[in-house]
Amino acid sequence: MSGSFFHFIDFPLLRLQLLTCQVMKKFGEKLRVLRKQRGLSVRELAQILGHASHAYLSRIETGQKKPSLEFAITIAKLFNVTVDQLVNDELELTTRINYVCE
């Protein structure tokens, strides 16, 4: 009986973990689309964001790394989209072209 109790408890937690992974992967896919729409390489985007290495961005794009809220906000501002559009699978990316000028 106790085994079924733990199975019941663990299932929602596992499902939440799987959903989190899917959202993070989708975020990475959307980041890649936005980056490519601007004609930027991963290295160029890393440089714009002030990252010493492009590895962090690569891991986010492939879903291996979870972006922080601060990173999501920075990306949203940079590409003129909402954080909702980046993390919500139901929302499509709609962007206005605003080129980054430094």
C-alpha atoms as a PDB file:
ATOM      1  CA  MET A   1       0.000   0.000   0.000  1.00  0.00           C
ATOM      2  CA  SER A   2       2.776   2.457   0.848  1.00  0.00           C
ATOM      3  CA  GLY A   3       4.352   1.837  -2.558  1.00  0.00           C
ATOM      4  CA  SER A   4       1.255   3.103  -4.336  1.00  0.00           C
ATOM      5  CA  PHE A   5       1.198   6.177  -2.079  1.00  0.00           C
ATOM      6  CA  PHE A   6       4.747   7.103  -3.059  1.00  0.00           C
ATOM      7  CA  HIS A   7       3.997   6.349  -6.686  1.00  0.00           C
ATOM      8  CA  PHE A   8       1.087   8.796  -6.502  1.00  0.00           C
ATOM      9  CA  ILE A   9       3.300  11.457  -4.898  1.00  0.00           C
ATOM     10  CA  ASP A  10       6.257  10.954  -7.264  1.00  0.00           C
ATOM     11  CA  PHE A  11       4.255  11.045 -10.494  1.00  0.00           C
ATOM     12  CA  PRO A  12       3.272  14.734 -10.294  1.00  0.00           C
ATOM     13  CA  LEU A  13       6.833  15.657  -9.340  1.00  0.00           C
ATOM     14  CA  LEU A  14       8.220  13.719 -12.289  1.00  0.00           C
ATOM     15  CA  ARG A  15       5.664  15.302 -14.592  1.00  0.00           C
ATOM     16  CA  LEU A  16       6.619  18.764 -13.316  1.00  0.00           C
ATOM     17  CA  GLN A  17      10.291  18.010 -13.966  1.00  0.00           C
ATOM     18  CA  LEU A  18       9.506  16.827 -17.495  1.00  0.00           C
ATOM     19  CA  LEU A  19       7.412  19.926 -18.190  1.00  0.00           C
ATOM     20  CA  THR A  20      10.197  22.155 -16.872  1.00  0.00           C
ATOM     21  CA  CYS A  21      12.700  20.466 -19.187  1.00  0.00           C
ATOM     22  CA  GLN A  22      10.347  20.881 -22.150  1.00  0.00           C
ATOM     23  CA  VAL A  23       9.823  24.583 -21.401  1.00  0.00           C
ATOM     24  CA  MET A  24      13.554  25.151 -21.087  1.00  0.00           C
ATOM     25  CA  LYS A  25      14.202  23.342 -24.349  1.00  0.00           C
ATOM     26  CA  LYS A  26      11.502  25.402 -26.052  1.00  0.00           C
ATOM     27  CA  PHE A  27      13.098  28.579 -24.649  1.00  0.00           C
ATOM     28  CA  GLY A  28      16.386  27.506 -26.211  1.00  0.00           C
ATOM     29  CA  GLU A  29      14.722  26.810 -29.551  1.00  0.00           C
ATOM     30  CA  LYS A  30      13.098  30.240 -29.518  1.00  0.00           C
ATOM     31  CA  LEU A  31      16.413  31.851 -28.583  1.00  0.00           C
ATOM     32  CA  ARG A  32      18.065  30.131 -31.548  1.00  0.00           C
ATOM     33  CA  VAL A  33      15.324  31.356 -33.914  1.00  0.00           C
ATOM     34  CA  LEU A  34      15.658  34.936 -32.676  1.00  0.00           C
ATOM     35  CA  ARG A  35      19.431  34.839 -32.920  1.00  0.00           C
ATOM     36  CA  LYS A  36      19.360  33.465 -36.459  1.00  0.00           C
ATOM     37  CA  GLN A  37      16.707  35.988 -37.539  1.00  0.00           C
ATOM     38  CA  ARG A  38      19.192  38.699 -36.630  1.00  0.00           C
ATOM     39  CA  GLY A  39      21.994  36.906 -38.453  1.00  0.00           C
ATOM     40  CA  LEU A  40      24.018  36.473 -35.271  1.00  0.00           C
ATOM     41  CA  SER A  41      26.295  33.594 -34.422  1.00  0.00           C
ATOM     42  CA  VAL A  42      26.323  32.202 -30.894  1.00  0.00           C
ATOM     43  CA  ARG A  43      29.704  33.880 -30.367  1.00  0.00           C
ATOM     44  CA  GLU A  44      28.383  37.246 -31.550  1.00  0.00           C
ATOM     45  CA  LEU A  45      25.364  37.050 -29.259  1.00  0.00           C
ATOM     46  CA  ALA A  46      27.592  36.067 -26.339  1.00  0.00           C
ATOM     47  CA  GLN A  47      29.749  39.115 -27.038  1.00  0.00           C
ATOM     48  CA  ILE A  48      26.702  41.430 -27.179  1.00  0.00           C
ATOM     49  CA  LEU A  49      25.513  40.013 -23.853  1.00  0.00           C
ATOM     50  CA  GLY A  50      28.950  40.426 -22.302  1.00  0.00           C
ATOM     51  CA  HIS A  51      29.650  36.726 -21.844  1.00  0.00           C
ATOM     52  CA  ALA A  52      33.277  35.658 -22.063  1.00  0.00           C
ATOM     53  CA  SER A  53      32.288  32.345 -23.647  1.00  0.00           C
ATOM     54  CA  HIS A  54      29.554  31.192 -26.003  1.00  0.00           C
ATOM     55  CA  ALA A  55      29.281  27.824 -24.204  1.00  0.00           C
ATOM     56  CA  TYR A  56      26.587  29.087 -21.795  1.00  0.00           C
ATOM     57  CA  LEU A  57      24.386  30.208 -24.698  1.00  0.00           C
ATOM     58  CA  SER A  58      24.950  26.958 -26.553  1.00  0.00           C
ATOM     59  CA  ARG A  59      23.820  24.961 -23.525  1.00  0.00           C
ATOM     60  CA  ILE A  60      20.689  27.097 -23.189  1.00  0.00           C
ATOM     61  CA  GLU A  61      19.861  26.722 -26.890  1.00  0.00           C
ATOM     62  CA  THR A  62      20.149  22.938 -26.665  1.00  0.00           C
ATOM     63  CA  GLY A  63      18.119  22.740 -23.445  1.00  0.00           C
ATOM     64  CA  GLN A  64      21.054  21.510 -21.360  1.00  0.00           C
ATOM     65  CA  LYS A  65      21.053  24.617 -19.152  1.00  0.00           C
ATOM     66  CA  LYS A  66      18.148  26.480 -17.588  1.00  0.00           C
ATOM     67  CA  PRO A  67      18.179  30.227 -18.184  1.00  0.00           C
ATOM     68  CA  SER A  68      17.865  32.504 -15.187  1.00  0.00           C
ATOM     69  CA  LEU A  69      14.998  34.959 -14.966  1.00  0.00           C
ATOM     70  CA  GLU A  70      17.491  37.788 -15.407  1.00  0.00           C
ATOM     71  CA  PHE A  71      18.789  36.162 -18.607  1.00  0.00           C
ATOM     72  CA  ALA A  72      15.236  35.684 -19.947  1.00  0.00           C
ATOM     73  CA  ILE A  73      14.452  39.348 -19.293  1.00  0.00           C
ATOM     74  CA  THR A  74      17.673  40.439 -21.014  1.00  0.00           C
ATOM     75  CA  ILE A  75      16.898  38.300 -24.070  1.00  0.00           C
ATOM     76  CA  ALA A  76      13.310  39.580 -24.195  1.00  0.00           C
ATOM     77  CA  LYS A  77      14.497  43.197 -24.174  1.00  0.00           C
ATOM     78  CA  LEU A  78      17.261  42.557 -26.686  1.00  0.00           C
ATOM     79  CA  PHE A  79      14.972  40.871 -29.209  1.00  0.00           C
ATOM     80  CA  ASN A  80      11.887  42.973 -28.437  1.00  0.00           C
ATOM     81  CA  VAL A  81       9.688  40.080 -27.341  1.00  0.00           C
ATOM     82  CA  THR A  82       8.008  39.329 -24.034  1.00  0.00           C
ATOM     83  CA  VAL A  83       9.317  36.861 -21.491  1.00  0.00           C
ATOM     84  CA  ASP A  84       5.929  35.167 -21.857  1.00  0.00           C
ATOM     85  CA  GLN A  85       6.600  34.579 -25.546  1.00  0.00           C
ATOM     86  CA  LEU A  86       9.936  32.996 -24.682  1.00  0.00           C
ATOM     87  CA  VAL A  87       8.728  30.597 -22.000  1.00  0.00           C
ATOM     88  CA  ASN A  88       5.122  29.885 -22.956  1.00  0.00           C
ATOM     89  CA  ASP A  89       4.815  27.199 -25.642  1.00  0.00           C
ATOM     90  CA  GLU A  90       1.345  28.444 -26.516  1.00  0.00           C
ATOM     91  CA  LEU A  91       2.652  31.826 -27.637  1.00  0.00           C
ATOM     92  CA  GLU A  92       4.391  32.342 -30.940  1.00  0.00           C
ATOM     93  CA  LEU A  93       7.297  34.692 -31.405  1.00  0.00           C
ATOM     94  CA  THR A  94       6.264  37.978 -32.954  1.00  0.00           C
ATOM     95  CA  THR A  95       9.118  40.386 -33.260  1.00  0.00           C
ATOM     96  CA  ARG A  96       9.705  43.824 -34.569  1.00  0.00           C
ATOM     97  CA  ILE A  97      13.164  44.301 -35.967  1.00  0.00           C
ATOM     98  CA  ASN A  98      15.106  46.513 -33.584  1.00  0.00           C
ATOM     99  CA  TYR A  99      18.776  46.274 -34.305  1.00  0.00           C
ATOM    100  CA  VAL A 100      21.171  46.353 -31.418  1.00  0.00           C
ATOM    101  CA  CYS A 101      23.387  49.401 -31.547  1.00  0.00           C
ATOM    102  CA  GLU A 102      26.358  49.692 -29.268  1.00  0.00           C
END
